[in-house]
Amino acid sequence: MKENKDKNIEQINELESKIAELTAGWQRTQADFQNFRRQVEADRQKLIKTASAQVLEDILPVLDNFQLAAKHVPAELENNNWVSGIKQIEKQLENILSNQGLTKIETTGQEFNPEFHEAIEHVSSNQPENIITEELSSGYTFDGIVLRPAKVKVSAGQKES
C-alpha cells in the first residue's frame, strides 16, 4: 500500500511539474502573441502614415497652383464671383489638408532653420542676419516630418548706411 501511495505521489508530482511547464509555455505563447499584435498594429499605423504623407505630398502642387493663381488675379477681377469661388475652393483644400495633419512651416520673420527652410538667396536687408525676409514657396510638415522645406530668402545682415 505504501508503495502504491509513493507511486501515486510521484505521479502527482510529475503531473504537477508537467502542468507548471505547460502553463509557463502557454503564458509565454500568450505574451508572444500580444507582442505580435502590438507590432502588427504599429506597422499598420506606420503604413497608414506613410501612405497619407505620400498622398499629401502629391496634392501639394495643386495647392501651390491655387495659391499662385490667387496671387496673380488682375485687380479688375478681384471681386468677380468666379474668382471668389476659386479662392473658396483653395481655402477648402487648405482646410482639408490641415485636418489631415498637414502643417505649414512658418517663414517670414523667423530665424532660418535648415531643417525646415531652404535658402534660395541671401539678401541685404534691415533684418538681422539669418532672419527670413521672404517666402518664395511654402513648406509643409506632416506628423513631425518635413514633406517639403520652405524656399526662402534670408537676410545676410543689416544694410550699410
C-alpha atoms as a PDB file:
ATOM      1  CA  MET A   1       0.000   0.000   0.000  1.00  0.00           C
ATOM      2  CA  LYS A   2       2.849   2.340   0.885  1.00  0.00           C
ATOM      3  CA  GLU A   3       4.407   1.517  -2.475  1.00  0.00           C
ATOM      4  CA  ASN A   4       1.170   2.470  -4.235  1.00  0.00           C
ATOM      5  CA  LYS A   5       0.954   5.666  -2.240  1.00  0.00           C
ATOM      6  CA  ASP A   6       4.556   6.623  -3.092  1.00  0.00           C
ATOM      7  CA  LYS A   7       3.903   5.830  -6.754  1.00  0.00           C
ATOM      8  CA  ASN A   8       0.771   7.990  -6.720  1.00  0.00           C
ATOM      9  CA  ILE A   9       2.633  10.880  -5.053  1.00  0.00           C
ATOM     10  CA  GLU A  10       5.396  10.536  -7.631  1.00  0.00           C
ATOM     11  CA  GLN A  11       2.823  10.595 -10.459  1.00  0.00           C
ATOM     12  CA  ILE A  12       1.106  13.604  -8.897  1.00  0.00           C
ATOM     13  CA  ASN A  13       4.438  15.433  -8.626  1.00  0.00           C
ATOM     14  CA  GLU A  14       5.228  14.573 -12.263  1.00  0.00           C
ATOM     15  CA  LEU A  15       1.803  15.778 -13.399  1.00  0.00           C
ATOM     16  CA  GLU A  16       2.081  18.980 -11.353  1.00  0.00           C
ATOM     17  CA  SER A  17       5.508  19.609 -12.876  1.00  0.00           C
ATOM     18  CA  LYS A  18       4.112  18.961 -16.357  1.00  0.00           C
ATOM     19  CA  ILE A  19       1.169  21.297 -15.640  1.00  0.00           C
ATOM     20  CA  ALA A  20       3.564  24.027 -14.465  1.00  0.00           C
ATOM     21  CA  GLU A  21       5.717  23.521 -17.575  1.00  0.00           C
ATOM     22  CA  LEU A  22       2.715  23.643 -19.924  1.00  0.00           C
ATOM     23  CA  THR A  23       1.276  26.668 -18.105  1.00  0.00           C
ATOM     24  CA  ALA A  24       4.583  28.542 -18.410  1.00  0.00           C
ATOM     25  CA  GLY A  25       4.753  27.670 -22.123  1.00  0.00           C
ATOM     26  CA  TRP A  26       1.171  28.805 -22.652  1.00  0.00           C
ATOM     27  CA  GLN A  27       1.887  32.082 -20.833  1.00  0.00           C
ATOM     28  CA  ARG A  28       4.986  32.691 -22.992  1.00  0.00           C
ATOM     29  CA  THR A  29       2.925  31.990 -26.108  1.00  0.00           C
ATOM     30  CA  GLN A  30       0.235  34.419 -24.911  1.00  0.00           C
ATOM     31  CA  ALA A  31       2.852  37.114 -24.260  1.00  0.00           C
ATOM     32  CA  ASP A  32       4.455  36.490 -27.665  1.00  0.00           C
ATOM     33  CA  PHE A  33       1.043  36.776 -29.313  1.00  0.00           C
ATOM     34  CA  GLN A  34       0.300  40.056 -27.522  1.00  0.00           C
ATOM     35  CA  ASN A  35       3.683  41.421 -28.623  1.00  0.00           C
ATOM     36  CA  PHE A  36       2.964  40.272 -32.175  1.00  0.00           C
ATOM     37  CA  ARG A  37      -0.416  42.029 -32.161  1.00  0.00           C
ATOM     38  CA  ARG A  38       1.185  45.262 -30.882  1.00  0.00           C
ATOM     39  CA  GLN A  39       3.880  45.063 -33.572  1.00  0.00           C
ATOM     40  CA  VAL A  40       1.323  44.420 -36.330  1.00  0.00           C
ATOM     41  CA  GLU A  41      -0.730  47.416 -35.149  1.00  0.00           C
ATOM     42  CA  ALA A  42       2.374  49.634 -35.006  1.00  0.00           C
ATOM     43  CA  ASP A  43       3.349  48.520 -38.519  1.00  0.00           C
ATOM     44  CA  ARG A  44      -0.197  49.197 -39.740  1.00  0.00           C
ATOM     45  CA  GLN A  45      -0.174  52.696 -38.257  1.00  0.00           C
ATOM     46  CA  LYS A  46       3.229  53.387 -39.814  1.00  0.00           C
ATOM     47  CA  LEU A  47       1.960  52.217 -43.214  1.00  0.00           C
ATOM     48  CA  ILE A  48      -1.108  54.456 -42.928  1.00  0.00           C
ATOM     49  CA  LYS A  49       1.058  57.477 -42.051  1.00  0.00           C
ATOM     50  CA  THR A  50       3.467  56.747 -44.905  1.00  0.00           C
ATOM     51  CA  ALA A  51       0.609  56.416 -47.396  1.00  0.00           C
ATOM     52  CA  SER A  52      -1.047  59.584 -46.055  1.00  0.00           C
ATOM     53  CA  ALA A  53       2.218  61.505 -46.334  1.00  0.00           C
ATOM     54  CA  GLN A  54       2.602  60.368 -49.937  1.00  0.00           C
ATOM     55  CA  VAL A  55      -0.933  61.439 -50.856  1.00  0.00           C
ATOM     56  CA  LEU A  56      -0.458  64.813 -49.163  1.00  0.00           C
ATOM     57  CA  GLU A  57       2.858  65.283 -50.953  1.00  0.00           C
ATOM     58  CA  ASP A  58       1.156  64.523 -54.287  1.00  0.00           C
ATOM     59  CA  ILE A  59      -1.579  67.110 -53.589  1.00  0.00           C
ATOM     60  CA  LEU A  60       0.817  69.930 -52.629  1.00  0.00           C
ATOM     61  CA  PRO A  61       1.430  71.067 -56.241  1.00  0.00           C
ATOM     62  CA  VAL A  62      -2.339  71.537 -56.670  1.00  0.00           C
ATOM     63  CA  LEU A  63      -2.407  73.746 -53.575  1.00  0.00           C
ATOM     64  CA  ASP A  64       0.628  75.644 -54.897  1.00  0.00           C
ATOM     65  CA  ASN A  65      -1.158  76.300 -58.178  1.00  0.00           C
ATOM     66  CA  PHE A  66      -4.270  77.595 -56.393  1.00  0.00           C
ATOM     67  CA  GLN A  67      -2.108  79.927 -54.287  1.00  0.00           C
ATOM     68  CA  LEU A  68      -0.142  81.107 -57.306  1.00  0.00           C
ATOM     69  CA  ALA A  69      -3.332  81.785 -59.269  1.00  0.00           C
ATOM     70  CA  ALA A  70      -4.795  83.732 -56.320  1.00  0.00           C
ATOM     71  CA  LYS A  71      -1.659  85.929 -56.159  1.00  0.00           C
ATOM     72  CA  HIS A  72      -1.945  86.814 -59.840  1.00  0.00           C
ATOM     73  CA  VAL A  73      -5.628  87.738 -60.111  1.00  0.00           C
ATOM     74  CA  PRO A  74      -5.909  91.001 -62.062  1.00  0.00           C
ATOM     75  CA  ALA A  75      -7.140  93.926 -59.937  1.00  0.00           C
ATOM     76  CA  GLU A  76     -10.271  94.386 -62.106  1.00  0.00           C
ATOM     77  CA  LEU A  77     -11.306  90.746 -61.420  1.00  0.00           C
ATOM     78  CA  GLU A  78     -10.621  90.830 -57.669  1.00  0.00           C
ATOM     79  CA  ASN A  79     -14.363  90.998 -56.776  1.00  0.00           C
ATOM     80  CA  ASN A  80     -15.521  88.644 -59.547  1.00  0.00           C
ATOM     81  CA  ASN A  81     -17.789  85.825 -58.291  1.00  0.00           C
ATOM     82  CA  TRP A  82     -15.855  83.199 -60.244  1.00  0.00           C
ATOM     83  CA  VAL A  83     -12.565  84.335 -58.695  1.00  0.00           C
ATOM     84  CA  SER A  84     -14.178  84.325 -55.232  1.00  0.00           C
ATOM     85  CA  GLY A  85     -15.366  80.755 -55.857  1.00  0.00           C
ATOM     86  CA  ILE A  86     -11.877  79.625 -56.853  1.00  0.00           C
ATOM     87  CA  LYS A  87     -10.447  81.240 -53.696  1.00  0.00           C
ATOM     88  CA  GLN A  88     -13.081  79.387 -51.637  1.00  0.00           C
ATOM     89  CA  ILE A  89     -12.012  76.102 -53.246  1.00  0.00           C
ATOM     90  CA  GLU A  90      -8.409  76.935 -52.314  1.00  0.00           C
ATOM     91  CA  LYS A  91      -9.444  77.575 -48.684  1.00  0.00           C
ATOM     92  CA  GLN A  92     -11.446  74.353 -48.630  1.00  0.00           C
ATOM     93  CA  LEU A  93      -8.440  72.384 -49.884  1.00  0.00           C
ATOM     94  CA  GLU A  94      -6.193  74.057 -47.271  1.00  0.00           C
ATOM     95  CA  ASN A  95      -8.672  73.127 -44.511  1.00  0.00           C
ATOM     96  CA  ILE A  96      -8.916  69.503 -45.659  1.00  0.00           C
ATOM     97  CA  LEU A  97      -5.130  69.148 -45.746  1.00  0.00           C
ATOM     98  CA  SER A  98      -4.805  70.839 -42.367  1.00  0.00           C
ATOM     99  CA  ASN A  99      -7.406  68.491 -40.871  1.00  0.00           C
ATOM    100  CA  GLN A 100      -5.357  65.557 -42.169  1.00  0.00           C
ATOM    101  CA  GLY A 101      -2.337  66.836 -40.195  1.00  0.00           C
ATOM    102  CA  LEU A 102      -0.519  68.937 -42.776  1.00  0.00           C
ATOM    103  CA  THR A 103       1.134  71.953 -41.157  1.00  0.00           C
ATOM    104  CA  LYS A 104       2.543  74.965 -42.993  1.00  0.00           C
ATOM    105  CA  ILE A 105       6.084  75.865 -41.958  1.00  0.00           C
ATOM    106  CA  GLU A 106       6.407  79.391 -40.546  1.00  0.00           C
ATOM    107  CA  THR A 107       8.807  81.543 -42.523  1.00  0.00           C
ATOM    108  CA  THR A 108       8.849  85.337 -42.855  1.00  0.00           C
ATOM    109  CA  GLY A 109      10.364  86.967 -39.768  1.00  0.00           C
ATOM    110  CA  GLN A 110      11.529  83.605 -38.384  1.00  0.00           C
ATOM    111  CA  GLU A 111      15.132  82.568 -37.908  1.00  0.00           C
ATOM    112  CA  PHE A 112      16.422  80.393 -40.748  1.00  0.00           C
ATOM    113  CA  ASN A 113      16.456  76.701 -39.814  1.00  0.00           C
ATOM    114  CA  PRO A 114      17.937  74.309 -42.414  1.00  0.00           C
ATOM    115  CA  GLU A 115      15.692  71.508 -41.151  1.00  0.00           C
ATOM    116  CA  PHE A 116      12.601  73.423 -42.297  1.00  0.00           C
ATOM    117  CA  HIS A 117      13.856  76.035 -44.762  1.00  0.00           C
ATOM    118  CA  GLU A 118      15.812  76.005 -47.993  1.00  0.00           C
ATOM    119  CA  ALA A 119      17.710  79.251 -48.601  1.00  0.00           C
ATOM    120  CA  ILE A 120      17.370  80.289 -52.230  1.00  0.00           C
ATOM    121  CA  GLU A 121      19.047  83.656 -51.808  1.00  0.00           C
ATOM    122  CA  HIS A 122      20.850  85.739 -49.189  1.00  0.00           C
ATOM    123  CA  VAL A 123      19.844  89.412 -49.353  1.00  0.00           C
ATOM    124  CA  SER A 124      20.911  92.612 -47.647  1.00  0.00           C
ATOM    125  CA  SER A 125      18.078  93.921 -45.505  1.00  0.00           C
ATOM    126  CA  ASN A 126      17.173  95.823 -42.364  1.00  0.00           C
ATOM    127  CA  GLN A 127      16.691  92.453 -40.627  1.00  0.00           C
ATOM    128  CA  PRO A 128      19.399  90.817 -38.505  1.00  0.00           C
ATOM    129  CA  GLU A 129      21.454  88.066 -40.109  1.00  0.00           C
ATOM    130  CA  ASN A 130      19.720  84.671 -40.657  1.00  0.00           C
ATOM    131  CA  ILE A 131      16.191  86.077 -40.473  1.00  0.00           C
ATOM    132  CA  ILE A 132      13.863  85.035 -43.295  1.00  0.00           C
ATOM    133  CA  THR A 133      12.825  88.086 -45.310  1.00  0.00           C
ATOM    134  CA  GLU A 134      10.575  86.463 -47.911  1.00  0.00           C
ATOM    135  CA  GLU A 135       8.897  83.152 -48.634  1.00  0.00           C
ATOM    136  CA  LEU A 136       9.180  82.020 -52.240  1.00  0.00           C
ATOM    137  CA  SER A 137       7.494  78.642 -51.849  1.00  0.00           C
ATOM    138  CA  SER A 138       5.572  77.252 -48.875  1.00  0.00           C
ATOM    139  CA  GLY A 139       6.939  74.321 -46.923  1.00  0.00           C
ATOM    140  CA  TYR A 140       4.941  71.724 -45.018  1.00  0.00           C
ATOM    141  CA  THR A 141       5.305  69.114 -42.300  1.00  0.00           C
ATOM    142  CA  PHE A 142       3.190  66.047 -41.602  1.00  0.00           C
ATOM    143  CA  ASP A 143       3.383  64.154 -38.332  1.00  0.00           C
ATOM    144  CA  GLY A 144       6.622  65.942 -37.439  1.00  0.00           C
ATOM    145  CA  ILE A 145       8.294  65.042 -40.739  1.00  0.00           C
ATOM    146  CA  VAL A 146       9.216  67.699 -43.299  1.00  0.00           C
ATOM    147  CA  LEU A 147       7.387  66.842 -46.521  1.00  0.00           C
ATOM    148  CA  ARG A 148       8.820  69.827 -48.293  1.00  0.00           C
ATOM    149  CA  PRO A 149      11.067  72.590 -46.930  1.00  0.00           C
ATOM    150  CA  ALA A 150      10.006  76.208 -47.452  1.00  0.00           C
ATOM    151  CA  LYS A 151      12.047  78.024 -50.085  1.00  0.00           C
ATOM    152  CA  VAL A 152      13.045  81.395 -48.653  1.00  0.00           C
ATOM    153  CA  LYS A 153      15.218  84.470 -48.935  1.00  0.00           C
ATOM    154  CA  VAL A 154      17.421  85.013 -45.897  1.00  0.00           C
ATOM    155  CA  SER A 155      18.919  88.223 -44.553  1.00  0.00           C
ATOM    156  CA  ALA A 156      22.660  88.479 -44.923  1.00  0.00           C
ATOM    157  CA  GLY A 157      22.695  91.195 -42.285  1.00  0.00           C
ATOM    158  CA  GLN A 158      21.989  94.887 -41.834  1.00  0.00           C
ATOM    159  CA  LYS A 159      22.383  97.165 -44.842  1.00  0.00           C
ATOM    160  CA  GLU A 160      25.240  99.604 -44.618  1.00  0.00           C
ATOM    161  CA  SER A 161      24.046 103.205 -44.119  1.00  0.00           C
END
